[in-house]
Amino acid sequence: MPQSFYGLATSEAQKRLVKYGPNKINDASHSTALKILLRQIKGNFIVYLLAFSAAISFAIGKVETTYTLFAVVFVVIFFGFIQEYKAERAVSALKNMLTAVTLVVRDGKE
C-alpha cells in the first residue's frame, strides 16, 4: 500500500503531537470592543488627516472649524467602529455554524 493511503503510524502521530502540538484551528480573530476602537483610530488615515487639519485650524484661530473637524473625526471613528463590530459578530456567527471534520488514517485504518 502506498504511503499516502497508509497514513501515519500511530507512533509517528504521537511524535508529531508532542513536537507540534494538537492539530486544531485557533480562534485568534476575536477582538474586544476596545481593540476594534483602537484599530479605528490607529489604522484610519482619514482620522489622522482630519485631526491634523483640526490642529492647523486651531493654530490659526479657526475655532469653529476645529470643532467641526473634530466632530467629523468622531463620526468617522463611530461609524467605522459600528461597521467593524457588526462584521466581526457576523463572522463569529458563521464560524460557530461551521464544523471542522477530517478523515484520519492511522496505520492504514480510517
PDB file of N, CA and C in Angstrom:
ATOM      1  N   MET A   1       0.847  -1.173   0.000  1.00  0.00           N
ATOM      2  CA  MET A   1       0.000   0.000   0.000  1.00  0.00           C
ATOM      3  C   MET A   1       0.897   1.242   0.000  1.00  0.00           C
ATOM      4  N   PRO A   2       0.651   2.246  -0.888  1.00  0.00           N
ATOM      5  CA  PRO A   2       1.472   3.459  -0.909  1.00  0.00           C
ATOM      6  C   PRO A   2       1.337   4.241   0.400  1.00  0.00           C
ATOM      7  N   GLN A   3       2.375   5.014   0.709  1.00  0.00           N
ATOM      8  CA  GLN A   3       2.406   5.767   1.970  1.00  0.00           C
ATOM      9  C   GLN A   3       1.216   6.713   2.106  1.00  0.00           C
ATOM     10  N   SER A   4       0.787   7.372   1.019  1.00  0.00           N
ATOM     11  CA  SER A   4      -0.292   8.348   1.115  1.00  0.00           C
ATOM     12  C   SER A   4      -1.611   7.701   1.526  1.00  0.00           C
ATOM     13  N   PHE A   5      -1.817   6.412   1.183  1.00  0.00           N
ATOM     14  CA  PHE A   5      -3.047   5.730   1.579  1.00  0.00           C
ATOM     15  C   PHE A   5      -2.907   5.055   2.937  1.00  0.00           C
ATOM     16  N   TYR A   6      -1.697   4.828   3.352  1.00  0.00           N
ATOM     17  CA  TYR A   6      -1.454   4.152   4.618  1.00  0.00           C
ATOM     18  C   TYR A   6      -1.613   5.103   5.795  1.00  0.00           C
ATOM     19  N   GLY A   7      -1.327   6.370   5.579  1.00  0.00           N
ATOM     20  CA  GLY A   7      -1.420   7.347   6.657  1.00  0.00           C
ATOM     21  C   GLY A   7      -0.198   7.290   7.542  1.00  0.00           C
ATOM     22  N   LEU A   8      -0.262   7.954   8.660  1.00  0.00           N
ATOM     23  CA  LEU A   8       0.842   7.942   9.609  1.00  0.00           C
ATOM     24  C   LEU A   8       0.743   6.741  10.529  1.00  0.00           C
ATOM     25  N   ALA A   9       1.887   6.288  10.955  1.00  0.00           N
ATOM     26  CA  ALA A   9       1.901   5.270  12.002  1.00  0.00           C
ATOM     27  C   ALA A   9       1.514   5.956  13.308  1.00  0.00           C
ATOM     28  N   THR A  10       0.917   5.202  14.209  1.00  0.00           N
ATOM     29  CA  THR A  10       0.492   5.768  15.488  1.00  0.00           C
ATOM     30  C   THR A  10       1.672   6.365  16.243  1.00  0.00           C
ATOM     31  N   SER A  11       2.812   5.709  16.185  1.00  0.00           N
ATOM     32  CA  SER A  11       3.993   6.232  16.885  1.00  0.00           C
ATOM     33  C   SER A  11       4.448   7.561  16.277  1.00  0.00           C
ATOM     34  N   GLU A  12       4.398   7.668  14.941  1.00  0.00           N
ATOM     35  CA  GLU A  12       4.776   8.918  14.276  1.00  0.00           C
ATOM     36  C   GLU A  12       3.783  10.029  14.616  1.00  0.00           C
ATOM     37  N   ALA A  13       2.507   9.692  14.682  1.00  0.00           N
ATOM     38  CA  ALA A  13       1.494  10.683  15.052  1.00  0.00           C
ATOM     39  C   ALA A  13       1.724  11.190  16.470  1.00  0.00           C
ATOM     40  N   GLN A  14       2.116  10.309  17.379  1.00  0.00           N
ATOM     41  CA  GLN A  14       2.406  10.720  18.758  1.00  0.00           C
ATOM     42  C   GLN A  14       3.623  11.646  18.809  1.00  0.00           C
ATOM     43  N   LYS A  15       4.652  11.328  18.019  1.00  0.00           N
ATOM     44  CA  LYS A  15       5.844  12.179  17.977  1.00  0.00           C
ATOM     45  C   LYS A  15       5.489  13.580  17.478  1.00  0.00           C
ATOM     46  N   ARG A  16       4.679  13.635  16.427  1.00  0.00           N
ATOM     47  CA  ARG A  16       4.294  14.932  15.872  1.00  0.00           C
ATOM     48  C   ARG A  16       3.390  15.709  16.826  1.00  0.00           C
ATOM     49  N   LEU A  17       2.562  14.994  17.568  1.00  0.00           N
ATOM     50  CA  LEU A  17       1.711  15.657  18.560  1.00  0.00           C
ATOM     51  C   LEU A  17       2.564  16.324  19.628  1.00  0.00           C
ATOM     52  N   VAL A  18       3.601  15.632  20.073  1.00  0.00           N
ATOM     53  CA  VAL A  18       4.495  16.202  21.084  1.00  0.00           C
ATOM     54  C   VAL A  18       5.280  17.371  20.491  1.00  0.00           C
ATOM     55  N   LYS A  19       5.763  17.207  19.254  1.00  0.00           N
ATOM     56  CA  LYS A  19       6.605  18.230  18.640  1.00  0.00           C
ATOM     57  C   LYS A  19       5.821  19.480  18.242  1.00  0.00           C
ATOM     58  N   TYR A  20       4.647  19.302  17.593  1.00  0.00           N
ATOM     59  CA  TYR A  20       3.900  20.432  17.034  1.00  0.00           C
ATOM     60  C   TYR A  20       2.654  20.816  17.828  1.00  0.00           C
ATOM     61  N   GLY A  21       2.221  19.978  18.739  1.00  0.00           N
ATOM     62  CA  GLY A  21       1.004  20.264  19.494  1.00  0.00           C
ATOM     63  C   GLY A  21      -0.227  19.743  18.764  1.00  0.00           C
ATOM     64  N   PRO A  22      -1.394  19.918  19.368  1.00  0.00           N
ATOM     65  CA  PRO A  22      -2.617  19.398  18.755  1.00  0.00           C
ATOM     66  C   PRO A  22      -2.952  20.137  17.460  1.00  0.00           C
ATOM     67  N   ASN A  23      -3.564  19.429  16.538  1.00  0.00           N
ATOM     68  CA  ASN A  23      -3.936  19.967  15.241  1.00  0.00           C
ATOM     69  C   ASN A  23      -5.334  20.567  15.358  1.00  0.00           C
ATOM     70  N   LYS A  24      -5.386  21.843  15.753  1.00  0.00           N
ATOM     71  CA  LYS A  24      -6.683  22.484  15.893  1.00  0.00           C
ATOM     72  C   LYS A  24      -6.608  23.902  15.358  1.00  0.00           C
ATOM     73  N   ILE A  25      -7.761  24.436  15.032  1.00  0.00           N
ATOM     74  CA  ILE A  25      -7.859  25.784  14.491  1.00  0.00           C
ATOM     75  C   ILE A  25      -7.966  26.755  15.655  1.00  0.00           C
ATOM     76  N   ASN A  26      -7.066  27.726  15.688  1.00  0.00           N
ATOM     77  CA  ASN A  26      -7.097  28.732  16.743  1.00  0.00           C
ATOM     78  C   ASN A  26      -8.093  29.823  16.392  1.00  0.00           C
ATOM     79  N   ASP A  27      -8.818  30.283  17.383  1.00  0.00           N
ATOM     80  CA  ASP A  27      -9.770  31.370  17.173  1.00  0.00           C
ATOM     81  C   ASP A  27      -9.130  32.664  17.643  1.00  0.00           C
ATOM     82  N   ALA A  28      -8.185  33.156  16.852  1.00  0.00           N
ATOM     83  CA  ALA A  28      -7.447  34.360  17.228  1.00  0.00           C
ATOM     84  C   ALA A  28      -8.102  35.624  16.695  1.00  0.00           C
ATOM     85  N   SER A  29      -9.216  35.488  15.986  1.00  0.00           N
ATOM     86  CA  SER A  29      -9.812  36.656  15.350  1.00  0.00           C
ATOM     87  C   SER A  29     -10.742  37.425  16.273  1.00  0.00           C
ATOM     88  N   HIS A  30     -11.057  36.897  17.449  1.00  0.00           N
ATOM     89  CA  HIS A  30     -11.982  37.578  18.345  1.00  0.00           C
ATOM     90  C   HIS A  30     -11.319  38.819  18.931  1.00  0.00           C
ATOM     91  N   SER A  31     -11.963  39.950  18.734  1.00  0.00           N
ATOM     92  CA  SER A  31     -11.434  41.208  19.244  1.00  0.00           C
ATOM     93  C   SER A  31     -12.430  41.827  20.209  1.00  0.00           C
ATOM     94  N   THR A  32     -11.907  42.477  21.221  1.00  0.00           N
ATOM     95  CA  THR A  32     -12.774  43.198  22.140  1.00  0.00           C
ATOM     96  C   THR A  32     -13.183  44.522  21.499  1.00  0.00           C
ATOM     97  N   ALA A  33     -14.190  45.138  22.076  1.00  0.00           N
ATOM     98  CA  ALA A  33     -14.655  46.425  21.558  1.00  0.00           C
ATOM     99  C   ALA A  33     -13.546  47.468  21.632  1.00  0.00           C
ATOM    100  N   LEU A  34     -12.741  47.412  22.680  1.00  0.00           N
ATOM    101  CA  LEU A  34     -11.644  48.370  22.817  1.00  0.00           C
ATOM    102  C   LEU A  34     -10.605  48.193  21.708  1.00  0.00           C
ATOM    103  N   LYS A  35     -10.284  46.937  21.363  1.00  0.00           N
ATOM    104  CA  LYS A  35      -9.323  46.690  20.283  1.00  0.00           C
ATOM    105  C   LYS A  35      -9.860  47.204  18.951  1.00  0.00           C
ATOM    106  N   ILE A  36     -11.149  46.993  18.717  1.00  0.00           N
ATOM    107  CA  ILE A  36     -11.754  47.476  17.474  1.00  0.00           C
ATOM    108  C   ILE A  36     -11.693  49.002  17.429  1.00  0.00           C
ATOM    109  N   LEU A  37     -12.007  49.640  18.555  1.00  0.00           N
ATOM    110  CA  LEU A  37     -11.970  51.100  18.617  1.00  0.00           C
ATOM    111  C   LEU A  37     -10.555  51.623  18.363  1.00  0.00           C
ATOM    112  N   LEU A  38      -9.564  50.997  18.985  1.00  0.00           N
ATOM    113  CA  LEU A  38      -8.179  51.428  18.775  1.00  0.00           C
ATOM    114  C   LEU A  38      -7.737  51.217  17.331  1.00  0.00           C
ATOM    115  N   ARG A  39      -8.205  50.125  16.713  1.00  0.00           N
ATOM    116  CA  ARG A  39      -7.888  49.903  15.294  1.00  0.00           C
ATOM    117  C   ARG A  39      -8.489  50.996  14.425  1.00  0.00           C
ATOM    118  N   GLN A  40      -9.689  51.450  14.780  1.00  0.00           N
ATOM    119  CA  GLN A  40     -10.320  52.517  14.014  1.00  0.00           C
ATOM    120  C   GLN A  40      -9.536  53.820  14.130  1.00  0.00           C
ATOM    121  N   ILE A  41      -8.969  54.055  15.292  1.00  0.00           N
ATOM    122  CA  ILE A  41      -8.209  55.288  15.497  1.00  0.00           C
ATOM    123  C   ILE A  41      -6.829  55.184  14.854  1.00  0.00           C
ATOM    124  N   LYS A  42      -6.129  54.071  15.086  1.00  0.00           N
ATOM    125  CA  LYS A  42      -4.750  53.937  14.618  1.00  0.00           C
ATOM    126  C   LYS A  42      -4.644  53.619  13.134  1.00  0.00           C
ATOM    127  N   GLY A  43      -5.581  52.861  12.600  1.00  0.00           N
ATOM    128  CA  GLY A  43      -5.418  52.364  11.243  1.00  0.00           C
ATOM    129  C   GLY A  43      -6.185  53.123  10.185  1.00  0.00           C
ATOM    130  N   ASN A  44      -6.708  54.288  10.514  1.00  0.00           N
ATOM    131  CA  ASN A  44      -7.532  55.019   9.566  1.00  0.00           C
ATOM    132  C   ASN A  44      -6.825  56.325   9.204  1.00  0.00           C
ATOM    133  N   PHE A  45      -6.331  56.398   8.001  1.00  0.00           N
ATOM    134  CA  PHE A  45      -5.564  57.572   7.567  1.00  0.00           C
ATOM    135  C   PHE A  45      -6.399  58.845   7.607  1.00  0.00           C
ATOM    136  N   ILE A  46      -7.675  58.738   7.271  1.00  0.00           N
ATOM    137  CA  ILE A  46      -8.530  59.928   7.233  1.00  0.00           C
ATOM    138  C   ILE A  46      -8.655  60.559   8.618  1.00  0.00           C
ATOM    139  N   VAL A  47      -8.594  59.731   9.672  1.00  0.00           N
ATOM    140  CA  VAL A  47      -8.644  60.262  11.039  1.00  0.00           C
ATOM    141  C   VAL A  47      -7.419  61.133  11.298  1.00  0.00           C
ATOM    142  N   TYR A  48      -6.254  60.653  10.901  1.00  0.00           N
ATOM    143  CA  TYR A  48      -5.033  61.443  11.075  1.00  0.00           C
ATOM    144  C   TYR A  48      -5.095  62.743  10.267  1.00  0.00           C
ATOM    145  N   LEU A  49      -5.570  62.633   9.052  1.00  0.00           N
ATOM    146  CA  LEU A  49      -5.649  63.806   8.185  1.00  0.00           C
ATOM    147  C   LEU A  49      -6.597  64.856   8.765  1.00  0.00           C
ATOM    148  N   LEU A  50      -7.756  64.415   9.224  1.00  0.00           N
ATOM    149  CA  LEU A  50      -8.719  65.354   9.800  1.00  0.00           C
ATOM    150  C   LEU A  50      -8.217  65.947  11.115  1.00  0.00           C
ATOM    151  N   ALA A  51      -7.574  65.133  11.943  1.00  0.00           N
ATOM    152  CA  ALA A  51      -7.033  65.640  13.208  1.00  0.00           C
ATOM    153  C   ALA A  51      -5.919  66.656  12.949  1.00  0.00           C
ATOM    154  N   PHE A  52      -5.092  66.378  11.965  1.00  0.00           N
ATOM    155  CA  PHE A  52      -4.037  67.328  11.596  1.00  0.00           C
ATOM    156  C   PHE A  52      -4.645  68.633  11.096  1.00  0.00           C
ATOM    157  N   SER A  53      -5.687  68.520  10.280  1.00  0.00           N
ATOM    158  CA  SER A  53      -6.372  69.713   9.784  1.00  0.00           C
ATOM    159  C   SER A  53      -6.996  70.501  10.927  1.00  0.00           C
ATOM    160  N   ALA A  54      -7.552  69.794  11.899  1.00  0.00           N
ATOM    161  CA  ALA A  54      -8.136  70.462  13.063  1.00  0.00           C
ATOM    162  C   ALA A  54      -7.063  71.187  13.863  1.00  0.00           C
ATOM    163  N   ALA A  55      -5.905  70.572  14.006  1.00  0.00           N
ATOM    164  CA  ALA A  55      -4.810  71.218  14.737  1.00  0.00           C
ATOM    165  C   ALA A  55      -4.346  72.483  14.022  1.00  0.00           C
ATOM    166  N   ILE A  56      -4.260  72.427  12.712  1.00  0.00           N
ATOM    167  CA  ILE A  56      -3.873  73.616  11.945  1.00  0.00           C
ATOM    168  C   ILE A  56      -4.944  74.700  12.083  1.00  0.00           C
ATOM    169  N   SER A  57      -6.205  74.302  12.006  1.00  0.00           N
ATOM    170  CA  SER A  57      -7.293  75.270  12.164  1.00  0.00           C
ATOM    171  C   SER A  57      -7.243  75.935  13.530  1.00  0.00           C
ATOM    172  N   PHE A  58      -6.944  75.148  14.551  1.00  0.00           N
ATOM    173  CA  PHE A  58      -6.838  75.707  15.898  1.00  0.00           C
ATOM    174  C   PHE A  58      -5.660  76.674  15.991  1.00  0.00           C
ATOM    175  N   ALA A  59      -4.552  76.304  15.348  1.00  0.00           N
ATOM    176  CA  ALA A  59      -3.350  77.140  15.401  1.00  0.00           C
ATOM    177  C   ALA A  59      -3.563  78.493  14.722  1.00  0.00           C
ATOM    178  N   ILE A  60      -4.388  78.532  13.698  1.00  0.00           N
ATOM    179  CA  ILE A  60      -4.621  79.813  13.007  1.00  0.00           C
ATOM    180  C   ILE A  60      -5.854  80.535  13.542  1.00  0.00           C
ATOM    181  N   GLY A  61      -6.455  79.978  14.594  1.00  0.00           N
ATOM    182  CA  GLY A  61      -7.545  80.684  15.257  1.00  0.00           C
ATOM    183  C   GLY A  61      -8.937  80.379  14.749  1.00  0.00           C
ATOM    184  N   LYS A  62      -9.109  79.376  13.943  1.00  0.00           N
ATOM    185  CA  LYS A  62     -10.427  78.996  13.421  1.00  0.00           C
ATOM    186  C   LYS A  62     -11.049  77.951  14.348  1.00  0.00           C
ATOM    187  N   VAL A  63     -11.577  78.409  15.465  1.00  0.00           N
ATOM    188  CA  VAL A  63     -12.086  77.505  16.495  1.00  0.00           C
ATOM    189  C   VAL A  63     -13.309  76.737  16.002  1.00  0.00           C
ATOM    190  N   GLU A  64     -14.212  77.397  15.280  1.00  0.00           N
ATOM    191  CA  GLU A  64     -15.413  76.718  14.780  1.00  0.00           C
ATOM    192  C   GLU A  64     -15.038  75.580  13.830  1.00  0.00           C
ATOM    193  N   THR A  65     -14.072  75.844  12.969  1.00  0.00           N
ATOM    194  CA  THR A  65     -13.606  74.814  12.036  1.00  0.00           C
ATOM    195  C   THR A  65     -12.951  73.662  12.792  1.00  0.00           C
ATOM    196  N   THR A  66     -12.226  73.996  13.845  1.00  0.00           N
ATOM    197  CA  THR A  66     -11.588  72.963  14.667  1.00  0.00           C
ATOM    198  C   THR A  66     -12.631  72.039  15.266  1.00  0.00           C
ATOM    199  N   TYR A  67     -13.682  72.623  15.860  1.00  0.00           N
ATOM    200  CA  TYR A  67     -14.751  71.809  16.448  1.00  0.00           C
ATOM    201  C   TYR A  67     -15.441  70.953  15.392  1.00  0.00           C
ATOM    202  N   THR A  68     -15.666  71.544  14.240  1.00  0.00           N
ATOM    203  CA  THR A  68     -16.325  70.804  13.159  1.00  0.00           C
ATOM    204  C   THR A  68     -15.469  69.624  12.707  1.00  0.00           C
ATOM    205  N   LEU A  69     -14.182  69.859  12.539  1.00  0.00           N
ATOM    206  CA  LEU A  69     -13.298  68.776  12.097  1.00  0.00           C
ATOM    207  C   LEU A  69     -13.203  67.671  13.140  1.00  0.00           C
ATOM    208  N   PHE A  70     -13.122  68.038  14.418  1.00  0.00           N
ATOM    209  CA  PHE A  70     -13.092  67.002  15.452  1.00  0.00           C
ATOM    210  C   PHE A  70     -14.414  66.243  15.514  1.00  0.00           C
ATOM    211  N   ALA A  71     -15.516  66.923  15.256  1.00  0.00           N
ATOM    212  CA  ALA A  71     -16.810  66.230  15.201  1.00  0.00           C
ATOM    213  C   ALA A  71     -16.816  65.216  14.058  1.00  0.00           C
ATOM    214  N   VAL A  72     -16.259  65.604  12.930  1.00  0.00           N
ATOM    215  CA  VAL A  72     -16.180  64.682  11.790  1.00  0.00           C
ATOM    216  C   VAL A  72     -15.274  63.499  12.125  1.00  0.00           C
ATOM    217  N   VAL A  73     -14.178  63.744  12.833  1.00  0.00           N
ATOM    218  CA  VAL A  73     -13.289  62.658  13.261  1.00  0.00           C
ATOM    219  C   VAL A  73     -14.064  61.657  14.109  1.00  0.00           C
ATOM    220  N   PHE A  74     -14.829  62.154  15.071  1.00  0.00           N
ATOM    221  CA  PHE A  74     -15.592  61.254  15.934  1.00  0.00           C
ATOM    222  C   PHE A  74     -16.662  60.495  15.161  1.00  0.00           C
ATOM    223  N   VAL A  75     -17.288  61.139  14.193  1.00  0.00           N
ATOM    224  CA  VAL A  75     -18.296  60.454  13.372  1.00  0.00           C
ATOM    225  C   VAL A  75     -17.644  59.348  12.552  1.00  0.00           C
ATOM    226  N   VAL A  76     -16.488  59.635  11.962  1.00  0.00           N
ATOM    227  CA  VAL A  76     -15.771  58.623  11.171  1.00  0.00           C
ATOM    228  C   VAL A  76     -15.391  57.439  12.049  1.00  0.00           C
ATOM    229  N   ILE A  77     -14.857  57.715  13.233  1.00  0.00           N
ATOM    230  CA  ILE A  77     -14.474  56.636  14.151  1.00  0.00           C
ATOM    231  C   ILE A  77     -15.701  55.846  14.587  1.00  0.00           C
ATOM    232  N   PHE A  78     -16.787  56.544  14.916  1.00  0.00           N
ATOM    233  CA  PHE A  78     -18.001  55.881  15.390  1.00  0.00           C
ATOM    234  C   PHE A  78     -18.570  54.938  14.338  1.00  0.00           C
ATOM    235  N   PHE A  79     -18.759  55.432  13.114  1.00  0.00           N
ATOM    236  CA  PHE A  79     -19.343  54.583  12.082  1.00  0.00           C
ATOM    237  C   PHE A  79     -18.400  53.449  11.675  1.00  0.00           C
ATOM    238  N   GLY A  80     -17.108  53.705  11.658  1.00  0.00           N
ATOM    239  CA  GLY A  80     -16.152  52.634  11.380  1.00  0.00           C
ATOM    240  C   GLY A  80     -16.191  51.561  12.449  1.00  0.00           C
ATOM    241  N   PHE A  81     -16.291  51.980  13.710  1.00  0.00           N
ATOM    242  CA  PHE A  81     -16.380  51.038  14.824  1.00  0.00           C
ATOM    243  C   PHE A  81     -17.640  50.184  14.713  1.00  0.00           C
ATOM    244  N   ILE A  82     -18.782  50.823  14.479  1.00  0.00           N
ATOM    245  CA  ILE A  82     -20.050  50.089  14.373  1.00  0.00           C
ATOM    246  C   ILE A  82     -19.983  49.076  13.239  1.00  0.00           C
ATOM    247  N   GLN A  83     -19.470  49.493  12.099  1.00  0.00           N
ATOM    248  CA  GLN A  83     -19.390  48.602  10.943  1.00  0.00           C
ATOM    249  C   GLN A  83     -18.470  47.415  11.227  1.00  0.00           C
ATOM    250  N   GLU A  84     -17.304  47.661  11.790  1.00  0.00           N
ATOM    251  CA  GLU A  84     -16.366  46.575  12.062  1.00  0.00           C
ATOM    252  C   GLU A  84     -16.881  45.654  13.162  1.00  0.00           C
ATOM    253  N   TYR A  85     -17.528  46.218  14.173  1.00  0.00           N
ATOM    254  CA  TYR A  85     -18.071  45.410  15.264  1.00  0.00           C
ATOM    255  C   TYR A  85     -19.148  44.460  14.746  1.00  0.00           C
ATOM    256  N   LYS A  86     -20.047  44.973  13.907  1.00  0.00           N
ATOM    257  CA  LYS A  86     -21.101  44.122  13.340  1.00  0.00           C
ATOM    258  C   LYS A  86     -20.508  43.062  12.416  1.00  0.00           C
ATOM    259  N   ALA A  87     -19.508  43.432  11.639  1.00  0.00           N
ATOM    260  CA  ALA A  87     -18.873  42.465  10.743  1.00  0.00           C
ATOM    261  C   ALA A  87     -18.196  41.364  11.538  1.00  0.00           C
ATOM    262  N   GLU A  88     -17.550  41.731  12.629  1.00  0.00           N
ATOM    263  CA  GLU A  88     -16.886  40.724  13.463  1.00  0.00           C
ATOM    264  C   GLU A  88     -17.908  39.767  14.080  1.00  0.00           C
ATOM    265  N   ARG A  89     -19.028  40.297  14.520  1.00  0.00           N
ATOM    266  CA  ARG A  89     -20.083  39.434  15.072  1.00  0.00           C
ATOM    267  C   ARG A  89     -20.633  38.495  14.006  1.00  0.00           C
ATOM    268  N   ALA A  90     -20.789  38.983  12.776  1.00  0.00           N
ATOM    269  CA  ALA A  90     -21.290  38.145  11.692  1.00  0.00           C
ATOM    270  C   ALA A  90     -20.305  37.026  11.369  1.00  0.00           C
ATOM    271  N   VAL A  91     -19.026  37.345  11.319  1.00  0.00           N
ATOM    272  CA  VAL A  91     -18.001  36.326  11.057  1.00  0.00           C
ATOM    273  C   VAL A  91     -17.977  35.304  12.179  1.00  0.00           C
ATOM    274  N   SER A  92     -18.109  35.766  13.406  1.00  0.00           N
ATOM    275  CA  SER A  92     -18.129  34.856  14.550  1.00  0.00           C
ATOM    276  C   SER A  92     -19.330  33.919  14.478  1.00  0.00           C
ATOM    277  N   ALA A  93     -20.486  34.446  14.090  1.00  0.00           N
ATOM    278  CA  ALA A  93     -21.680  33.604  13.952  1.00  0.00           C
ATOM    279  C   ALA A  93     -21.491  32.567  12.851  1.00  0.00           C
ATOM    280  N   LEU A  94     -20.860  32.954  11.755  1.00  0.00           N
ATOM    281  CA  LEU A  94     -20.595  32.000  10.676  1.00  0.00           C
ATOM    282  C   LEU A  94     -19.621  30.916  11.126  1.00  0.00           C
ATOM    283  N   LYS A  95     -18.595  31.305  11.884  1.00  0.00           N
ATOM    284  CA  LYS A  95     -17.639  30.311  12.379  1.00  0.00           C
ATOM    285  C   LYS A  95     -18.313  29.316  13.308  1.00  0.00           C
ATOM    286  N   ASN A  96     -19.273  29.789  14.095  1.00  0.00           N
ATOM    287  CA  ASN A  96     -19.981  28.887  15.005  1.00  0.00           C
ATOM    288  C   ASN A  96     -20.857  27.895  14.258  1.00  0.00           C
ATOM    289  N   MET A  97     -21.289  28.248  13.050  1.00  0.00           N
ATOM    290  CA  MET A  97     -22.111  27.338  12.247  1.00  0.00           C
ATOM    291  C   MET A  97     -21.282  26.243  11.589  1.00  0.00           C
ATOM    292  N   LEU A  98     -20.008  26.508  11.365  1.00  0.00           N
ATOM    293  CA  LEU A  98     -19.150  25.549  10.678  1.00  0.00           C
ATOM    294  C   LEU A  98     -18.604  24.515  11.647  1.00  0.00           C
ATOM    295  N   THR A  99     -18.475  23.303  11.149  1.00  0.00           N
ATOM    296  CA  THR A  99     -17.821  22.259  11.927  1.00  0.00           C
ATOM    297  C   THR A  99     -16.663  21.718  11.099  1.00  0.00           C
ATOM    298  N   ALA A 100     -15.532  21.619  11.727  1.00  0.00           N
ATOM    299  CA  ALA A 100     -14.346  21.108  11.048  1.00  0.00           C
ATOM    300  C   ALA A 100     -14.307  19.595  11.207  1.00  0.00           C
ATOM    301  N   VAL A 101     -14.406  18.882  10.095  1.00  0.00           N
ATOM    302  CA  VAL A 101     -14.384  17.423  10.103  1.00  0.00           C
ATOM    303  C   VAL A 101     -13.308  16.974   9.122  1.00  0.00           C
ATOM    304  N   THR A 102     -12.536  16.000   9.540  1.00  0.00           N
ATOM    305  CA  THR A 102     -11.498  15.483   8.657  1.00  0.00           C
ATOM    306  C   THR A 102     -11.409  13.970   8.792  1.00  0.00           C
ATOM    307  N   LEU A 103     -10.951  13.338   7.752  1.00  0.00           N
ATOM    308  CA  LEU A 103     -10.749  11.896   7.755  1.00  0.00           C
ATOM    309  C   LEU A 103      -9.299  11.630   8.141  1.00  0.00           C
ATOM    310  N   VAL A 104      -9.088  10.802   9.141  1.00  0.00           N
ATOM    311  CA  VAL A 104      -7.750  10.482   9.626  1.00  0.00           C
ATOM    312  C   VAL A 104      -7.471   9.017   9.341  1.00  0.00           C
ATOM    313  N   VAL A 105      -6.303   8.764   8.768  1.00  0.00           N
ATOM    314  CA  VAL A 105      -5.873   7.392   8.509  1.00  0.00           C
ATOM    315  C   VAL A 105      -4.643   7.124   9.366  1.00  0.00           C
ATOM    316  N   ARG A 106      -4.740   6.116  10.226  1.00  0.00           N
ATOM    317  CA  ARG A 106      -3.625   5.702  11.082  1.00  0.00           C
ATOM    318  C   ARG A 106      -3.366   4.221  10.846  1.00  0.00           C
ATOM    319  N   ASP A 107      -2.163   3.911  10.516  1.00  0.00           N
ATOM    320  CA  ASP A 107      -1.764   2.516  10.280  1.00  0.00           C
ATOM    321  C   ASP A 107      -2.658   1.839   9.244  1.00  0.00           C
ATOM    322  N   GLY A 108      -3.072   2.595   8.230  1.00  0.00           N
ATOM    323  CA  GLY A 108      -3.884   2.043   7.155  1.00  0.00           C
ATOM    324  C   GLY A 108      -5.357   1.911   7.481  1.00  0.00           C
ATOM    325  N   LYS A 109      -5.811   2.403   8.625  1.00  0.00           N
ATOM    326  CA  LYS A 109      -7.221   2.302   9.022  1.00  0.00           C
ATOM    327  C   LYS A 109      -7.799   3.696   9.191  1.00  0.00           C
ATOM    328  N   GLU A 110      -9.063   3.832   8.774  1.00  0.00           N
ATOM    329  CA  GLU A 110      -9.744   5.129   8.929  1.00  0.00           C
ATOM    330  C   GLU A 110     -10.216   5.308  10.347  1.00  0.00           C
TER     331      GLU A 110
END
